[in-house]
Amino acid sequence: MESKYKKERNIKPVKRLTTRLVLWGCLVLCSIVCKASALPTSDTIITGARLNFVENKGQWPTKVHFRTQMNNATCYLEDSCFTIITRSPIEAPATIAAADRAILANSHAARHFQGYNHHAYRMRFVGANRSATIMGKGLSEGYENYYLGNDSNLWASECRLFGCVEYRDLYPGINLKAYSTEHGLKYEYIVMPGANPELILVEYDSISSLATKDGNLIVSTSAGNVEELKPYVYQETHEGRISIEASYITYGNRVHIAIGSY
């Protein structure tokens, strides 16, 4: 099966880079309650305040390394994948936390919880290094405590907050960084000299459909659509930053970023 996708993608021999290449993406939630036309063009997953990534000290399943909380979505950063839970942006925080724990623990793709629709899907990095080093960077002030129910095994105190999370060598010579800007949640692949960006392939599990529109990637779920904006790719050279043409190519529920000449 893997060879089929490699054949369809026509993976080329690696080009010898002398400078690094950066592939930049971001997520935009177009929920059923809040239509896409009602969202400011700068919004991404309706984050509210600047995001923090909370370390896991036992308050979530062991597969989770970090979590970031948004107004209408939660993203759990795991080994070689992200799990994203989308929901209505008008829910109370207590309802959100309880529903997220239930969905994450039972791996349910969709669930109605106390009258609200939640949907969990996974962005899986196909062929990625499952032993990649995952670290928080940009330590923030303060911490969070978690005392979930009566089971002290689910309690955690002084959980540190970070401004971004980096996956070192997610693919050979390729790092992934998830972080927050004033517009919301962003992620980028940093391709080091000699590495092959053709290796990057993302599979979307537990979704309704996957399509492209106006260059953007539309991920359809039972809780609405998540839109990933057209990829922005640039190369850092000795002469400065050079933008490179890029586009999404879909193969069923898998996505590859096609990159122009560099």
Protein backbone atom coordinates (compact mmCIF):
# COMPACT_ATOMS: atom_id res chain seq x y z
CA MET A 1 0.00 0.00 0.00
CA GLU A 2 2.79 2.41 0.86
CA SER A 3 4.51 1.80 -2.49
CA LYS A 4 1.25 2.70 -4.28
CA TYR A 5 1.20 6.12 -2.71
CA LYS A 6 4.89 6.64 -3.37
CA LYS A 7 4.32 5.75 -7.02
CA GLU A 8 1.37 8.14 -7.32
CA ARG A 9 3.33 10.94 -5.68
CA ASN A 10 6.32 10.34 -7.95
CA ILE A 11 8.89 10.98 -5.23
CA LYS A 12 12.00 12.49 -6.77
CA PRO A 13 15.62 12.08 -5.71
CA VAL A 14 16.53 14.55 -3.00
CA LYS A 15 17.85 17.91 -4.16
CA ARG A 16 21.01 19.08 -2.49
CA LEU A 17 19.98 22.17 -0.55
CA THR A 18 22.55 24.60 0.72
CA THR A 19 19.95 26.55 2.71
CA ARG A 20 16.89 25.48 4.64
CA LEU A 21 13.35 25.23 3.27
CA VAL A 22 10.28 26.08 5.37
CA LEU A 23 6.73 24.81 4.71
CA TRP A 24 4.19 26.82 6.65
CA GLY A 25 0.53 25.99 7.33
CA CYS A 26 -2.35 26.98 9.56
CA LEU A 27 -5.82 25.75 10.47
CA VAL A 28 -9.12 27.61 10.20
CA LEU A 29 -12.28 26.21 11.78
CA CYS A 30 -15.53 26.80 9.89
CA SER A 31 -18.05 25.44 12.38
CA ILE A 32 -21.72 24.72 11.83
CA VAL A 33 -22.65 27.43 14.33
CA CYS A 34 -20.30 30.07 12.94
CA LYS A 35 -20.20 30.07 9.14
CA ALA A 36 -16.94 30.73 7.33
CA SER A 37 -18.25 34.02 5.93
CA ALA A 38 -18.72 35.31 9.49
CA LEU A 39 -15.09 34.71 10.48
CA PRO A 40 -12.43 37.42 10.13
CA THR A 41 -9.92 36.43 7.45
CA SER A 42 -7.13 36.46 10.05
CA ASP A 43 -8.82 33.95 12.38
CA THR A 44 -7.42 30.46 12.79
CA ILE A 45 -9.44 27.93 14.79
CA ILE A 46 -10.78 30.87 16.88
CA THR A 47 -8.07 30.80 19.49
CA GLY A 48 -8.97 33.77 21.64
CA ALA A 49 -5.85 34.68 23.62
CA ARG A 50 -2.35 33.63 22.63
CA LEU A 51 -1.95 29.87 22.92
CA ASN A 52 0.12 27.92 25.41
CA PHE A 53 1.14 24.28 25.08
CA VAL A 54 0.71 22.43 28.38
CA GLU A 55 3.01 19.53 29.19
CA ASN A 56 1.50 16.17 30.11
CA LYS A 57 2.40 15.03 33.62
CA GLY A 58 -0.13 12.22 33.81
CA GLN A 59 -3.38 14.19 33.52
CA TRP A 60 -3.93 12.83 29.97
CA PRO A 61 -3.17 9.47 28.31
CA THR A 62 0.54 8.69 28.02
CA LYS A 63 0.46 9.04 24.21
CA VAL A 64 -0.10 12.79 24.66
CA HIS A 65 2.98 15.01 25.03
CA PHE A 66 1.36 18.45 24.98
CA ARG A 67 -2.09 19.99 24.65
CA THR A 68 -3.24 23.39 23.49
CA GLN A 69 -6.73 24.69 24.18
CA MET A 70 -8.67 26.97 21.82
CA ASN A 71 -12.13 28.48 22.05
CA ASN A 72 -13.72 25.90 19.77
CA ALA A 73 -11.11 23.17 19.44
CA THR A 74 -8.44 21.27 21.36
CA CYS A 75 -5.24 19.91 19.86
CA TYR A 76 -3.31 17.04 21.48
CA LEU A 77 0.25 16.62 20.24
CA GLU A 78 1.24 12.95 20.23
CA ASP A 79 3.90 10.70 18.72
CA SER A 80 3.86 11.37 14.94
CA CYS A 81 0.30 12.75 14.99
CA PHE A 82 -2.03 15.50 16.16
CA THR A 83 -5.48 14.69 17.55
CA ILE A 84 -7.90 17.58 17.03
CA ILE A 85 -11.29 17.76 18.76
CA THR A 86 -13.66 20.33 17.27
CA ARG A 87 -16.88 21.56 18.86
CA SER A 88 -19.35 24.44 19.08
CA PRO A 89 -17.62 27.64 20.29
CA ILE A 90 -20.47 28.47 22.72
CA GLU A 91 -19.96 25.59 25.17
CA ALA A 92 -19.05 26.04 28.80
CA PRO A 93 -15.42 25.17 29.74
CA ALA A 94 -16.49 22.39 32.13
CA THR A 95 -18.48 20.70 29.36
CA ILE A 96 -15.55 21.03 26.97
CA ALA A 97 -13.08 19.44 29.38
CA ALA A 98 -15.36 16.51 30.24
CA ALA A 99 -16.21 15.79 26.60
CA ASP A 100 -12.58 16.00 25.46
CA ARG A 101 -11.48 13.52 28.13
CA ALA A 102 -14.21 11.08 27.12
CA ILE A 103 -13.46 11.32 23.40
CA LEU A 104 -9.67 11.11 23.79
CA ALA A 105 -9.89 8.13 26.14
CA ASN A 106 -12.26 6.15 23.92
CA SER A 107 -11.02 7.31 20.50
CA HIS A 108 -14.56 8.11 19.36
CA ALA A 109 -14.63 10.04 16.10
CA ALA A 110 -17.87 11.84 16.94
CA ARG A 111 -19.99 12.25 20.03
CA HIS A 112 -22.91 14.31 21.29
CA PHE A 113 -22.10 15.44 24.82
CA GLN A 114 -24.72 17.28 26.90
CA GLY A 115 -26.44 18.47 23.72
CA TYR A 116 -23.29 19.53 21.87
CA ASN A 117 -21.60 17.90 18.92
CA HIS A 118 -17.90 17.05 19.23
CA HIS A 119 -15.74 15.44 16.58
CA ALA A 120 -12.22 14.08 16.97
CA TYR A 121 -9.94 13.40 14.03
CA ARG A 122 -6.26 12.67 13.70
CA MET A 123 -3.54 14.16 11.50
CA ARG A 124 -1.08 11.28 11.19
CA PHE A 125 2.38 11.87 9.71
CA VAL A 126 2.81 8.82 7.49
CA GLY A 127 6.21 7.15 7.64
CA ALA A 128 7.41 9.56 10.32
CA ASN A 129 9.94 8.80 13.01
CA ARG A 130 7.95 7.59 16.03
CA SER A 131 11.00 8.20 18.20
CA ALA A 132 11.33 11.86 17.23
CA THR A 133 12.36 14.12 20.08
CA ILE A 134 9.34 16.22 21.13
CA MET A 135 10.13 19.25 23.26
CA GLY A 136 8.48 22.41 24.47
CA LYS A 137 10.25 25.68 23.75
CA GLY A 138 9.70 29.22 24.95
CA LEU A 139 8.82 28.55 28.60
CA SER A 140 5.96 30.82 29.72
CA GLU A 141 5.35 32.24 33.15
CA GLY A 142 3.01 30.37 35.43
CA TYR A 143 1.72 26.80 35.33
CA GLU A 144 -1.52 24.82 35.40
CA ASN A 145 -2.86 22.31 37.92
CA TYR A 146 -5.18 19.42 37.08
CA TYR A 147 -7.29 17.64 39.70
CA LEU A 148 -9.67 15.55 37.61
CA GLY A 149 -12.27 13.69 39.68
CA ASN A 150 -11.45 11.50 42.67
CA ASP A 151 -8.70 9.49 40.98
CA SER A 152 -5.40 10.95 42.16
CA ASN A 153 -3.63 9.18 39.28
CA LEU A 154 -5.21 11.79 37.01
CA TRP A 155 -3.99 14.70 39.09
CA ALA A 156 -1.03 16.78 38.05
CA SER A 157 0.39 19.98 39.47
CA GLU A 158 2.72 22.71 38.23
CA CYS A 159 2.40 21.65 34.56
CA ARG A 160 4.64 23.96 32.58
CA LEU A 161 3.44 26.11 29.69
CA PHE A 162 5.36 26.61 26.46
CA GLY A 163 5.01 28.95 23.51
CA CYS A 164 5.73 26.26 20.93
CA VAL A 165 6.43 22.56 20.51
CA GLU A 166 9.09 21.14 18.23
CA TYR A 167 9.40 17.65 16.76
CA ARG A 168 13.08 17.03 16.01
CA ASP A 169 13.72 14.75 13.02
CA LEU A 170 10.06 13.93 12.42
CA TYR A 171 11.39 12.87 9.03
CA PRO A 172 15.11 12.59 8.27
CA GLY A 173 16.46 16.13 8.40
CA ILE A 174 12.96 17.61 8.80
CA ASN A 175 11.65 19.23 11.98
CA LEU A 176 8.06 20.23 12.70
CA LYS A 177 7.17 23.18 14.89
CA ALA A 178 3.68 24.03 16.23
CA TYR A 179 3.28 27.47 17.72
CA SER A 180 1.00 30.43 18.25
CA THR A 181 0.95 33.85 16.62
CA GLU A 182 -1.45 36.73 17.04
CA HIS A 183 -3.68 34.97 14.49
CA GLY A 184 -3.78 31.56 16.19
CA LEU A 185 -2.38 28.06 15.76
CA LYS A 186 0.32 27.57 13.13
CA TYR A 187 2.63 24.73 12.21
CA GLU A 188 5.62 24.48 9.93
CA TYR A 189 8.08 21.95 8.59
CA ILE A 190 11.71 23.02 8.55
CA VAL A 191 13.65 21.12 5.89
CA MET A 192 17.38 21.12 6.50
CA PRO A 193 20.03 21.06 3.74
CA GLY A 194 20.15 17.61 2.12
CA ALA A 195 16.71 16.52 3.38
CA ASN A 196 13.83 15.54 1.08
CA PRO A 197 10.50 17.39 1.53
CA GLU A 198 8.80 14.79 -0.69
CA LEU A 199 8.75 12.49 2.36
CA ILE A 200 6.12 14.61 4.11
CA LEU A 201 2.71 12.92 3.89
CA VAL A 202 -0.26 13.45 6.23
CA GLU A 203 -3.18 11.06 6.66
CA TYR A 204 -6.48 12.32 8.09
CA ASP A 205 -8.29 9.65 10.12
CA SER A 206 -11.96 9.76 11.17
CA ILE A 207 -13.11 12.53 8.83
CA SER A 208 -16.07 12.72 6.44
CA SER A 209 -14.15 13.92 3.39
CA LEU A 210 -11.05 15.75 2.22
CA ALA A 211 -10.95 18.22 -0.67
CA THR A 212 -9.22 21.35 -1.94
CA LYS A 213 -10.91 24.65 -2.74
CA ASP A 214 -9.18 27.83 -3.90
CA GLY A 215 -5.88 26.26 -2.89
CA ASN A 216 -7.04 25.55 0.68
CA LEU A 217 -7.55 22.11 2.19
CA ILE A 218 -11.10 21.42 3.45
CA VAL A 219 -11.39 18.77 6.16
CA SER A 220 -15.07 17.86 6.63
CA THR A 221 -16.26 16.51 10.00
CA SER A 222 -19.61 15.99 11.71
CA ALA A 223 -18.95 19.19 13.72
CA GLY A 224 -18.27 21.35 10.66
CA ASN A 225 -15.34 22.00 8.35
CA VAL A 226 -11.74 22.69 9.27
CA GLU A 227 -9.92 24.66 6.59
CA GLU A 228 -6.15 24.56 6.21
CA LEU A 229 -4.97 27.57 4.30
CA LYS A 230 -2.93 27.25 1.13
CA PRO A 231 0.62 26.21 2.07
CA TYR A 232 3.20 28.95 2.16
CA VAL A 233 6.73 27.77 1.37
CA TYR A 234 9.92 29.78 1.40
CA GLN A 235 13.64 29.15 1.25
CA GLU A 236 16.15 30.97 3.41
CA THR A 237 19.13 31.85 1.20
CA HIS A 238 22.22 33.98 1.52
CA GLU A 239 20.37 36.64 -0.51
CA GLY A 240 17.32 36.54 1.76
CA ARG A 241 13.94 34.79 1.85
CA ILE A 242 12.56 33.45 -1.46
CA SER A 243 8.91 32.40 -1.78
CA ILE A 244 8.25 29.10 -3.59
CA GLU A 245 5.03 27.99 -5.27
CA ALA A 246 3.28 25.14 -3.42
CA SER A 247 -0.06 23.35 -3.43
CA TYR A 248 -1.93 20.51 -1.72
CA ILE A 249 -2.24 17.19 -3.55
CA THR A 250 -4.76 14.71 -2.11
CA TYR A 251 -4.79 10.90 -2.35
CA GLY A 252 -8.00 9.74 -0.71
CA ASN A 253 -7.57 10.83 2.91
CA ARG A 254 -3.86 11.57 2.48
CA VAL A 255 -2.27 14.90 1.62
CA HIS A 256 1.09 15.81 0.14
CA ILE A 257 2.49 19.30 -0.45
CA ALA A 258 3.75 19.73 -4.02
CA ILE A 259 6.61 22.20 -4.14
CA GLY A 260 7.81 24.21 -7.15
CA SER A 261 11.42 24.66 -8.19
CA TYR A 262 13.87 25.73 -5.52
